[in-house]
Amino acid sequence: QMVALARDQLRLHRLQAEIMPTNIASRCVAER
């Protein structure tokens, strides 16, 4: 939902996420 908001309402081109290498769950969320 945040990706859609950033694209459609805020008109951003790119989002970045900084994730600790050991945070496998968050990495999986981002990749999905």
ModelCIF file with pLDDT and N, C-alpha, C, O atoms, coordinates in Angstrom:
data_MODEL
#
_entry.id   MODEL 
#
_entity.id                         1 
_entity.type                       polymer 
_entity.pdbx_number_of_molecules   1 
#
_entity_poly.entity_id                      1 
_entity_poly.type                           'polypeptide(L)' 
_entity_poly.nstd_linkage                   no 
_entity_poly.nstd_monomer                   no 
_entity_poly.pdbx_seq_one_letter_code       QMVALARDQLRLHRLQAEIMPTNIASRCVAER 
_entity_poly.pdbx_seq_one_letter_code_can   QMVALARDQLRLHRLQAEIMPTNIASRCVAER 
_entity_poly.pdbx_strand_id                 A 
#
loop_
_entity_poly_seq.entity_id 
_entity_poly_seq.num 
_entity_poly_seq.mon_id 
_entity_poly_seq.hetero 
1 1  GLN n 
1 2  MET n 
1 3  VAL n 
1 4  ALA n 
1 5  LEU n 
1 6  ALA n 
1 7  ARG n 
1 8  ASP n 
1 9  GLN n 
1 10 LEU n 
1 11 ARG n 
1 12 LEU n 
1 13 HIS n 
1 14 ARG n 
1 15 LEU n 
1 16 GLN n 
1 17 ALA n 
1 18 GLU n 
1 19 ILE n 
1 20 MET n 
1 21 PRO n 
1 22 THR n 
1 23 ASN n 
1 24 ILE n 
1 25 ALA n 
1 26 SER n 
1 27 ARG n 
1 28 CYS n 
1 29 VAL n 
1 30 ALA n 
1 31 GLU n 
1 32 ARG n 
#
_struct_asym.id          A 
_struct_asym.entity_id   1 
#
loop_
_ma_qa_metric.id 
_ma_qa_metric.mode 
_ma_qa_metric.name 
_ma_qa_metric.software_group_id 
_ma_qa_metric.type 
1 global pLDDT . pLDDT 
2 local  pLDDT . pLDDT 
#
_ma_qa_metric_global.metric_id      1 
_ma_qa_metric_global.metric_value   96.75 
_ma_qa_metric_global.model_id       1 
_ma_qa_metric_global.ordinal_id     1 
#
loop_
_ma_qa_metric_local.label_asym_id 
_ma_qa_metric_local.label_comp_id 
_ma_qa_metric_local.label_seq_id 
_ma_qa_metric_local.metric_id 
_ma_qa_metric_local.metric_value 
_ma_qa_metric_local.model_id 
_ma_qa_metric_local.ordinal_id 
A GLN 1  2 97.00 1 1  
A MET 2  2 98.00 1 2  
A VAL 3  2 98.00 1 3  
A ALA 4  2 97.00 1 4  
A LEU 5  2 97.00 1 5  
A ALA 6  2 98.00 1 6  
A ARG 7  2 98.00 1 7  
A ASP 8  2 97.00 1 8  
A GLN 9  2 96.00 1 9  
A LEU 10 2 97.00 1 10 
A ARG 11 2 98.00 1 11 
A LEU 12 2 98.00 1 12 
A HIS 13 2 98.00 1 13 
A ARG 14 2 98.00 1 14 
A LEU 15 2 98.00 1 15 
A GLN 16 2 98.00 1 16 
A ALA 17 2 98.00 1 17 
A GLU 18 2 97.00 1 18 
A ILE 19 2 97.00 1 19 
A MET 20 2 95.00 1 20 
A PRO 21 2 96.00 1 21 
A THR 22 2 94.00 1 22 
A ASN 23 2 94.00 1 23 
A ILE 24 2 94.00 1 24 
A ALA 25 2 94.00 1 25 
A SER 26 2 95.00 1 26 
A ARG 27 2 96.00 1 27 
A CYS 28 2 96.00 1 28 
A VAL 29 2 97.00 1 29 
A ALA 30 2 98.00 1 30 
A GLU 31 2 97.00 1 31 
A ARG 32 2 97.00 1 32 
#
loop_
_atom_site.group_PDB 
_atom_site.id 
_atom_site.type_symbol 
_atom_site.label_atom_id 
_atom_site.label_alt_id 
_atom_site.label_comp_id 
_atom_site.label_asym_id 
_atom_site.label_entity_id 
_atom_site.label_seq_id 
_atom_site.pdbx_PDB_ins_code 
_atom_site.Cartn_x 
_atom_site.Cartn_y 
_atom_site.Cartn_z 
_atom_site.occupancy 
_atom_site.B_iso_or_equiv 
_atom_site.pdbx_formal_charge 
_atom_site.auth_seq_id 
_atom_site.auth_comp_id 
_atom_site.auth_asym_id 
_atom_site.auth_atom_id 
_atom_site.pdbx_PDB_model_num 
ATOM 1   N N  . GLN A 1 1  ? 0.825  -1.214  0.000  1.00 97.00 ? 1  GLN A N  1 
ATOM 2   C CA . GLN A 1 1  ? 0.000  0.000   0.000  1.00 97.00 ? 1  GLN A CA 1 
ATOM 3   C C  . GLN A 1 1  ? 0.853  1.256   0.000  1.00 97.00 ? 1  GLN A C  1 
ATOM 4   O O  . GLN A 1 1  ? 0.514  2.234   -0.666 1.00 97.00 ? 1  GLN A O  1 
ATOM 5   N N  . MET A 1 2  ? 1.959  1.244   0.739  1.00 98.00 ? 2  MET A N  1 
ATOM 6   C CA . MET A 1 2  ? 2.839  2.409   0.768  1.00 98.00 ? 2  MET A CA 1 
ATOM 7   C C  . MET A 1 2  ? 3.494  2.616   -0.594 1.00 98.00 ? 2  MET A C  1 
ATOM 8   O O  . MET A 1 2  ? 3.657  3.754   -1.033 1.00 98.00 ? 2  MET A O  1 
ATOM 9   N N  . VAL A 1 3  ? 3.868  1.542   -1.258 1.00 98.00 ? 3  VAL A N  1 
ATOM 10  C CA . VAL A 1 3  ? 4.434  1.644   -2.610 1.00 98.00 ? 3  VAL A CA 1 
ATOM 11  C C  . VAL A 1 3  ? 3.430  2.317   -3.544 1.00 98.00 ? 3  VAL A C  1 
ATOM 12  O O  . VAL A 1 3  ? 3.787  3.216   -4.306 1.00 98.00 ? 3  VAL A O  1 
ATOM 13  N N  . ALA A 1 4  ? 2.180  1.878   -3.479 1.00 97.00 ? 4  ALA A N  1 
ATOM 14  C CA . ALA A 1 4  ? 1.139  2.470   -4.336 1.00 97.00 ? 4  ALA A CA 1 
ATOM 15  C C  . ALA A 1 4  ? 0.937  3.946   -4.008 1.00 97.00 ? 4  ALA A C  1 
ATOM 16  O O  . ALA A 1 4  ? 0.794  4.763   -4.917 1.00 97.00 ? 4  ALA A O  1 
ATOM 17  N N  . LEU A 1 5  ? 0.923  4.295   -2.744 1.00 97.00 ? 5  LEU A N  1 
ATOM 18  C CA . LEU A 1 5  ? 0.762  5.694   -2.340 1.00 97.00 ? 5  LEU A CA 1 
ATOM 19  C C  . LEU A 1 5  ? 1.948  6.534   -2.827 1.00 97.00 ? 5  LEU A C  1 
ATOM 20  O O  . LEU A 1 5  ? 1.763  7.633   -3.348 1.00 97.00 ? 5  LEU A O  1 
ATOM 21  N N  . ALA A 1 6  ? 3.154  6.014   -2.656 1.00 98.00 ? 6  ALA A N  1 
ATOM 22  C CA . ALA A 1 6  ? 4.352  6.749   -3.080 1.00 98.00 ? 6  ALA A CA 1 
ATOM 23  C C  . ALA A 1 6  ? 4.346  6.973   -4.593 1.00 98.00 ? 6  ALA A C  1 
ATOM 24  O O  . ALA A 1 6  ? 4.747  8.035   -5.068 1.00 98.00 ? 6  ALA A O  1 
ATOM 25  N N  . ARG A 1 7  ? 3.901  5.991   -5.330 1.00 98.00 ? 7  ARG A N  1 
ATOM 26  C CA . ARG A 1 7  ? 3.861  6.094   -6.790 1.00 98.00 ? 7  ARG A CA 1 
ATOM 27  C C  . ARG A 1 7  ? 2.709  6.976   -7.262 1.00 98.00 ? 7  ARG A C  1 
ATOM 28  O O  . ARG A 1 7  ? 2.911  7.904   -8.045 1.00 98.00 ? 7  ARG A O  1 
ATOM 29  N N  . ASP A 1 8  ? 1.499  6.682   -6.782 1.00 97.00 ? 8  ASP A N  1 
ATOM 30  C CA . ASP A 1 8  ? 0.291  7.296   -7.340 1.00 97.00 ? 8  ASP A CA 1 
ATOM 31  C C  . ASP A 1 8  ? -0.027 8.674   -6.766 1.00 97.00 ? 8  ASP A C  1 
ATOM 32  O O  . ASP A 1 8  ? -0.490 9.551   -7.496 1.00 97.00 ? 8  ASP A O  1 
ATOM 33  N N  . GLN A 1 9  ? 0.212  8.877   -5.485 1.00 96.00 ? 9  GLN A N  1 
ATOM 34  C CA . GLN A 1 9  ? -0.126 10.166  -4.863 1.00 96.00 ? 9  GLN A CA 1 
ATOM 35  C C  . GLN A 1 9  ? 1.074  11.087  -4.718 1.00 96.00 ? 9  GLN A C  1 
ATOM 36  O O  . GLN A 1 9  ? 0.987  12.281  -5.005 1.00 96.00 ? 9  GLN A O  1 
ATOM 37  N N  . LEU A 1 10 ? 2.194  10.532  -4.271 1.00 97.00 ? 10 LEU A N  1 
ATOM 38  C CA . LEU A 1 10 ? 3.377  11.365  -4.076 1.00 97.00 ? 10 LEU A CA 1 
ATOM 39  C C  . LEU A 1 10 ? 4.203  11.500  -5.350 1.00 97.00 ? 10 LEU A C  1 
ATOM 40  O O  . LEU A 1 10 ? 5.079  12.360  -5.441 1.00 97.00 ? 10 LEU A O  1 
ATOM 41  N N  . ARG A 1 11 ? 3.925  10.656  -6.320 1.00 98.00 ? 11 ARG A N  1 
ATOM 42  C CA . ARG A 1 11 ? 4.620  10.688  -7.618 1.00 98.00 ? 11 ARG A CA 1 
ATOM 43  C C  . ARG A 1 11 ? 6.135  10.501  -7.478 1.00 98.00 ? 11 ARG A C  1 
ATOM 44  O O  . ARG A 1 11 ? 6.919  11.134  -8.185 1.00 98.00 ? 11 ARG A O  1 
ATOM 45  N N  . LEU A 1 12 ? 6.531  9.619   -6.552 1.00 98.00 ? 12 LEU A N  1 
ATOM 46  C CA . LEU A 1 12 ? 7.946  9.314   -6.401 1.00 98.00 ? 12 LEU A CA 1 
ATOM 47  C C  . LEU A 1 12 ? 8.365  8.315   -7.477 1.00 98.00 ? 12 LEU A C  1 
ATOM 48  O O  . LEU A 1 12 ? 7.542  7.570   -8.008 1.00 98.00 ? 12 LEU A O  1 
ATOM 49  N N  . HIS A 1 13 ? 9.638  8.316   -7.781 1.00 98.00 ? 13 HIS A N  1 
ATOM 50  C CA . HIS A 1 13 ? 10.201 7.418   -8.795 1.00 98.00 ? 13 HIS A CA 1 
ATOM 51  C C  . HIS A 1 13 ? 10.816 6.166   -8.177 1.00 98.00 ? 13 HIS A C  1 
ATOM 52  O O  . HIS A 1 13 ? 10.862 5.109   -8.807 1.00 98.00 ? 13 HIS A O  1 
ATOM 53  N N  . ARG A 1 14 ? 11.298 6.297   -6.913 1.00 98.00 ? 14 ARG A N  1 
ATOM 54  C CA . ARG A 1 14 ? 12.077 5.217   -6.322 1.00 98.00 ? 14 ARG A CA 1 
ATOM 55  C C  . ARG A 1 14 ? 11.894 5.198   -4.814 1.00 98.00 ? 14 ARG A C  1 
ATOM 56  O O  . ARG A 1 14 ? 11.814 6.243   -4.169 1.00 98.00 ? 14 ARG A O  1 
ATOM 57  N N  . LEU A 1 15 ? 11.829 3.993   -4.264 1.00 98.00 ? 15 LEU A N  1 
ATOM 58  C CA . LEU A 1 15 ? 11.858 3.805   -2.812 1.00 98.00 ? 15 LEU A CA 1 
ATOM 59  C C  . LEU A 1 15 ? 13.064 2.949   -2.464 1.00 98.00 ? 15 LEU A C  1 
ATOM 60  O O  . LEU A 1 15 ? 13.460 2.057   -3.214 1.00 98.00 ? 15 LEU A O  1 
ATOM 61  N N  . GLN A 1 16 ? 13.633 3.245   -1.313 1.00 98.00 ? 16 GLN A N  1 
ATOM 62  C CA . GLN A 1 16 ? 14.770 2.489   -0.812 1.00 98.00 ? 16 GLN A CA 1 
ATOM 63  C C  . GLN A 1 16 ? 14.423 1.949   0.566  1.00 98.00 ? 16 GLN A C  1 
ATOM 64  O O  . GLN A 1 16 ? 13.688 2.579   1.326  1.00 98.00 ? 16 GLN A O  1 
ATOM 65  N N  . ALA A 1 17 ? 14.955 0.791   0.876  1.00 98.00 ? 17 ALA A N  1 
ATOM 66  C CA . ALA A 1 17 ? 14.832 0.222   2.220  1.00 98.00 ? 17 ALA A CA 1 
ATOM 67  C C  . ALA A 1 17 ? 16.225 -0.195  2.673  1.00 98.00 ? 17 ALA A C  1 
ATOM 68  O O  . ALA A 1 17 ? 16.972 -0.825  1.925  1.00 98.00 ? 17 ALA A O  1 
ATOM 69  N N  . GLU A 1 18 ? 16.560 0.160   3.896  1.00 97.00 ? 18 GLU A N  1 
ATOM 70  C CA . GLU A 1 18 ? 17.840 -0.221  4.492  1.00 97.00 ? 18 GLU A CA 1 
ATOM 71  C C  . GLU A 1 18 ? 17.541 -1.291  5.529  1.00 97.00 ? 18 GLU A C  1 
ATOM 72  O O  . GLU A 1 18 ? 16.827 -1.038  6.500  1.00 97.00 ? 18 GLU A O  1 
ATOM 73  N N  . ILE A 1 19 ? 18.083 -2.482  5.328  1.00 97.00 ? 19 ILE A N  1 
ATOM 74  C CA . ILE A 1 19 ? 17.716 -3.619  6.177  1.00 97.00 ? 19 ILE A CA 1 
ATOM 75  C C  . ILE A 1 19 ? 18.979 -4.316  6.673  1.00 97.00 ? 19 ILE A C  1 
ATOM 76  O O  . ILE A 1 19 ? 19.912 -4.558  5.907  1.00 97.00 ? 19 ILE A O  1 
ATOM 77  N N  . MET A 1 20 ? 18.993 -4.632  7.957  1.00 95.00 ? 20 MET A N  1 
ATOM 78  C CA . MET A 1 20 ? 20.133 -5.373  8.505  1.00 95.00 ? 20 MET A CA 1 
ATOM 79  C C  . MET A 1 20 ? 20.214 -6.742  7.829  1.00 95.00 ? 20 MET A C  1 
ATOM 80  O O  . MET A 1 20 ? 19.186 -7.397  7.657  1.00 95.00 ? 20 MET A O  1 
ATOM 81  N N  . PRO A 1 21 ? 21.400 -7.185  7.446  1.00 96.00 ? 21 PRO A N  1 
ATOM 82  C CA . PRO A 1 21 ? 21.539 -8.480  6.776  1.00 96.00 ? 21 PRO A CA 1 
ATOM 83  C C  . PRO A 1 21 ? 20.940 -9.639  7.568  1.00 96.00 ? 21 PRO A C  1 
ATOM 84  O O  . PRO A 1 21 ? 20.485 -10.618 6.977  1.00 96.00 ? 21 PRO A O  1 
ATOM 85  N N  . THR A 1 22 ? 20.934 -9.542  8.894  1.00 94.00 ? 22 THR A N  1 
ATOM 86  C CA . THR A 1 22 ? 20.403 -10.615 9.728  1.00 94.00 ? 22 THR A CA 1 
ATOM 87  C C  . THR A 1 22 ? 18.881 -10.601 9.838  1.00 94.00 ? 22 THR A C  1 
ATOM 88  O O  . THR A 1 22 ? 18.293 -11.551 10.356 1.00 94.00 ? 22 THR A O  1 
ATOM 89  N N  . ASN A 1 23 ? 18.234 -9.537  9.357  1.00 94.00 ? 23 ASN A N  1 
ATOM 90  C CA . ASN A 1 23 ? 16.777 -9.437  9.451  1.00 94.00 ? 23 ASN A CA 1 
ATOM 91  C C  . ASN A 1 23 ? 16.140 -10.109 8.230  1.00 94.00 ? 23 ASN A C  1 
ATOM 92  O O  . ASN A 1 23 ? 15.668 -9.446  7.306  1.00 94.00 ? 23 ASN A O  1 
ATOM 93  N N  . ILE A 1 24 ? 16.144 -11.416 8.256  1.00 94.00 ? 24 ILE A N  1 
ATOM 94  C CA . ILE A 1 24 ? 15.661 -12.213 7.129  1.00 94.00 ? 24 ILE A CA 1 
ATOM 95  C C  . ILE A 1 24 ? 14.191 -11.921 6.844  1.00 94.00 ? 24 ILE A C  1 
ATOM 96  O O  . ILE A 1 24 ? 13.807 -11.815 5.680  1.00 94.00 ? 24 ILE A O  1 
ATOM 97  N N  . ALA A 1 25 ? 13.371 -11.791 7.863  1.00 94.00 ? 25 ALA A N  1 
ATOM 98  C CA . ALA A 1 25 ? 11.938 -11.550 7.664  1.00 94.00 ? 25 ALA A CA 1 
ATOM 99  C C  . ALA A 1 25 ? 11.703 -10.245 6.907  1.00 94.00 ? 25 ALA A C  1 
ATOM 100 O O  . ALA A 1 25 ? 10.904 -10.209 5.971  1.00 94.00 ? 25 ALA A O  1 
ATOM 101 N N  . SER A 1 26 ? 12.385 -9.182  7.300  1.00 95.00 ? 26 SER A N  1 
ATOM 102 C CA . SER A 1 26 ? 12.202 -7.900  6.632  1.00 95.00 ? 26 SER A CA 1 
ATOM 103 C C  . SER A 1 26 ? 12.738 -7.945  5.200  1.00 95.00 ? 26 SER A C  1 
ATOM 104 O O  . SER A 1 26 ? 12.156 -7.347  4.295  1.00 95.00 ? 26 SER A O  1 
ATOM 105 N N  . ARG A 1 27 ? 13.829 -8.642  5.004  1.00 96.00 ? 27 ARG A N  1 
ATOM 106 C CA . ARG A 1 27 ? 14.360 -8.795  3.643  1.00 96.00 ? 27 ARG A CA 1 
ATOM 107 C C  . ARG A 1 27 ? 13.356 -9.520  2.756  1.00 96.00 ? 27 ARG A C  1 
ATOM 108 O O  . ARG A 1 27 ? 13.161 -9.141  1.602  1.00 96.00 ? 27 ARG A O  1 
ATOM 109 N N  . CYS A 1 28 ? 12.719 -10.559 3.286  1.00 96.00 ? 28 CYS A N  1 
ATOM 110 C CA . CYS A 1 28 ? 11.713 -11.298 2.518  1.00 96.00 ? 28 CYS A CA 1 
ATOM 111 C C  . CYS A 1 28 ? 10.512 -10.417 2.193  1.00 96.00 ? 28 CYS A C  1 
ATOM 112 O O  . CYS A 1 28 ? 9.987  -10.475 1.081  1.00 96.00 ? 28 CYS A O  1 
ATOM 113 N N  . VAL A 1 29 ? 10.071 -9.598  3.152  1.00 97.00 ? 29 VAL A N  1 
ATOM 114 C CA . VAL A 1 29 ? 8.960  -8.676  2.917  1.00 97.00 ? 29 VAL A CA 1 
ATOM 115 C C  . VAL A 1 29 ? 9.301  -7.752  1.752  1.00 97.00 ? 29 VAL A C  1 
ATOM 116 O O  . VAL A 1 29 ? 8.520  -7.607  0.811  1.00 97.00 ? 29 VAL A O  1 
ATOM 117 N N  . ALA A 1 30 ? 10.471 -7.132  1.825  1.00 98.00 ? 30 ALA A N  1 
ATOM 118 C CA . ALA A 1 30 ? 10.888 -6.197  0.770  1.00 98.00 ? 30 ALA A CA 1 
ATOM 119 C C  . ALA A 1 30 ? 10.956 -6.905  -0.588 1.00 98.00 ? 30 ALA A C  1 
ATOM 120 O O  . ALA A 1 30 ? 10.461 -6.381  -1.587 1.00 98.00 ? 30 ALA A O  1 
ATOM 121 N N  . GLU A 1 31 ? 11.558 -8.075  -0.625 1.00 97.00 ? 31 GLU A N  1 
ATOM 122 C CA . GLU A 1 31 ? 11.701 -8.795  -1.891 1.00 97.00 ? 31 GLU A CA 1 
ATOM 123 C C  . GLU A 1 31 ? 10.347 -9.207  -2.459 1.00 97.00 ? 31 GLU A C  1 
ATOM 124 O O  . GLU A 1 31 ? 10.137 -9.131  -3.670 1.00 97.00 ? 31 GLU A O  1 
ATOM 125 N N  . ARG A 1 32 ? 9.416  -9.647  -1.591 1.00 97.00 ? 32 ARG A N  1 
ATOM 126 C CA . ARG A 1 32 ? 8.070  -10.009 -2.066 1.00 97.00 ? 32 ARG A CA 1 
ATOM 127 C C  . ARG A 1 32 ? 7.334  -8.798  -2.642 1.00 97.00 ? 32 ARG A C  1 
ATOM 128 O O  . ARG A 1 32 ? 6.193  -8.922  -3.086 1.00 97.00 ? 32 ARG A O  1 
#
